[in-house]
Protein backbone atom coordinates (compact mmCIF):
# COMPACT_ATOMS: atom_id res chain seq x y z
CA MET A 1 -0.02 0.02 -0.01
CA GLU A 2 2.89 2.34 0.64
CA GLY A 3 4.02 2.15 -3.02
CA ALA A 4 0.56 3.13 -4.21
CA SER A 5 0.63 6.13 -1.90
CA LEU A 6 3.98 7.22 -3.28
CA THR A 7 2.72 6.78 -6.87
CA LEU A 8 -0.39 8.87 -6.11
CA THR A 9 1.75 11.55 -4.46
CA ALA A 10 4.06 11.65 -7.51
CA ALA A 11 1.10 11.85 -9.89
CA LEU A 12 -0.50 14.70 -7.90
CA CYS A 13 2.86 16.59 -7.82
CA ALA A 14 3.21 16.15 -11.58
CA LEU A 15 -0.34 17.38 -12.14
CA ALA A 16 0.21 20.42 -9.90
CA SER A 17 3.44 21.19 -11.77
CA LEU A 18 1.68 20.89 -15.13
CA ASN A 19 -1.08 23.26 -13.98
CA PHE A 20 1.46 25.79 -12.72
CA ALA A 21 3.32 25.59 -16.03
CA THR A 22 0.07 26.13 -17.91
CA PHE A 23 -0.77 29.16 -15.71
CA VAL A 24 2.68 30.58 -16.34
CA ALA A 25 2.28 30.00 -20.10
CA PHE A 26 -0.85 32.12 -20.11
CA ALA A 27 0.99 34.86 -18.14
CA ILE A 28 3.87 34.82 -20.62
CA ASP A 29 1.51 34.84 -23.63
CA LYS A 30 -0.39 37.83 -22.15
CA ALA A 31 2.84 39.73 -21.50
CA HIS A 32 4.00 39.03 -25.06
CA ALA A 33 0.67 40.17 -26.45
CA ARG A 34 0.98 43.48 -24.60
CA ALA A 35 4.54 43.95 -25.76
CA ARG A 36 3.62 42.93 -29.33
CA ARG A 37 6.21 40.14 -29.20
CA ARG A 38 6.05 36.65 -30.58
CA ARG A 39 3.24 34.74 -28.89
CA ILE A 40 2.79 31.22 -27.61
CA ALA A 41 0.76 29.27 -30.15
CA GLU A 42 -2.88 28.62 -29.19
CA SER A 43 -2.28 24.96 -30.00
CA THR A 44 0.45 24.84 -27.33
CA LEU A 45 -1.85 26.39 -24.72
CA LEU A 46 -4.57 23.86 -25.65
CA TRP A 47 -2.14 20.95 -25.50
CA LEU A 48 -1.08 21.97 -22.03
CA ALA A 49 -4.75 22.03 -21.01
CA PHE A 50 -5.37 18.69 -22.71
CA ALA A 51 -2.41 17.09 -20.89
CA GLY A 52 -4.06 17.88 -17.60
CA GLY A 53 -3.54 21.62 -17.18
CA SER A 54 -7.16 22.74 -17.61
CA PRO A 55 -7.41 24.19 -14.12
CA GLY A 56 -4.24 26.17 -14.74
CA ALA A 57 -5.61 27.33 -18.08
CA TYR A 58 -8.85 28.56 -16.59
CA ALA A 59 -6.98 30.25 -13.74
CA GLY A 60 -4.65 31.94 -16.21
CA ARG A 61 -7.58 33.11 -18.35
CA ARG A 62 -9.27 34.63 -15.28
CA VAL A 63 -6.24 36.19 -13.58
CA PHE A 64 -4.72 37.68 -16.70
CA ARG A 65 -8.02 38.28 -18.56
CA HIS A 66 -6.48 36.46 -21.49
CA LYS A 67 -8.18 34.47 -24.23
CA THR A 68 -11.59 35.05 -22.71
CA ARG A 69 -13.38 36.00 -25.89
CA LYS A 70 -11.34 34.25 -28.53
CA GLN A 71 -13.34 31.71 -30.55
CA PRO A 72 -12.75 28.90 -31.32
CA PHE A 73 -10.16 28.80 -28.55
CA VAL A 74 -12.73 29.14 -25.77
CA GLY A 75 -14.91 26.43 -27.18
CA ARG A 76 -11.97 24.07 -27.61
CA LEU A 77 -10.86 24.68 -24.04
CA HIS A 78 -14.42 24.02 -22.75
CA THR A 79 -14.51 20.79 -24.80
CA ILE A 80 -11.19 19.62 -23.36
CA ALA A 81 -12.38 20.33 -19.84
CA ALA A 82 -15.71 18.56 -20.36
CA LEU A 83 -13.89 15.50 -21.75
CA GLN A 84 -11.59 15.45 -18.77
CA VAL A 85 -14.55 15.68 -16.32
CA ALA A 86 -16.28 12.83 -18.19
CA ALA A 87 -13.08 10.71 -18.11
CA LEU A 88 -12.76 11.33 -14.36
CA GLY A 89 -16.38 10.28 -13.91
CA VAL A 90 -15.86 7.09 -15.86
CA ALA A 91 -12.63 6.31 -13.96
CA ALA A 92 -14.33 6.91 -10.60
CA TYR A 93 -17.22 4.67 -11.64
CA LEU A 94 -14.89 1.88 -12.68
CA LEU A 95 -12.64 2.13 -9.65
CA LEU A 96 -15.37 2.64 -7.05
CA GLY A 97 -18.36 1.01 -8.66
C-alpha cells in the first residue's frame, strides 16, 4: 500500500506542476501580447490544457483576462475540460463501482 501512496503523491505533484506551467504559459503569452512580441501558439496552450492543465488554463484566463473571448479557442478549451470531467467520472465509476 505504501508504493501506491507514493505513486499517487508523484502523480499529484506532476499534475500540480503541469497546472502551474500552464498558468505561467498564459501569463507569458499575455505579456508578449501586450509587448507585441512573438506569442505562444494557441495549440500549445490547448495541448497543455489537454495534458491535464485545464485548471491552470482557466486560472490563467481569469487572472490575466487572457483568451476570454477568442473563438474557437474558448470552445476548444471548454470541450477539453468537459472530456476530462467525463473521463474522471468514468474512472471513478470503474474504480469505485
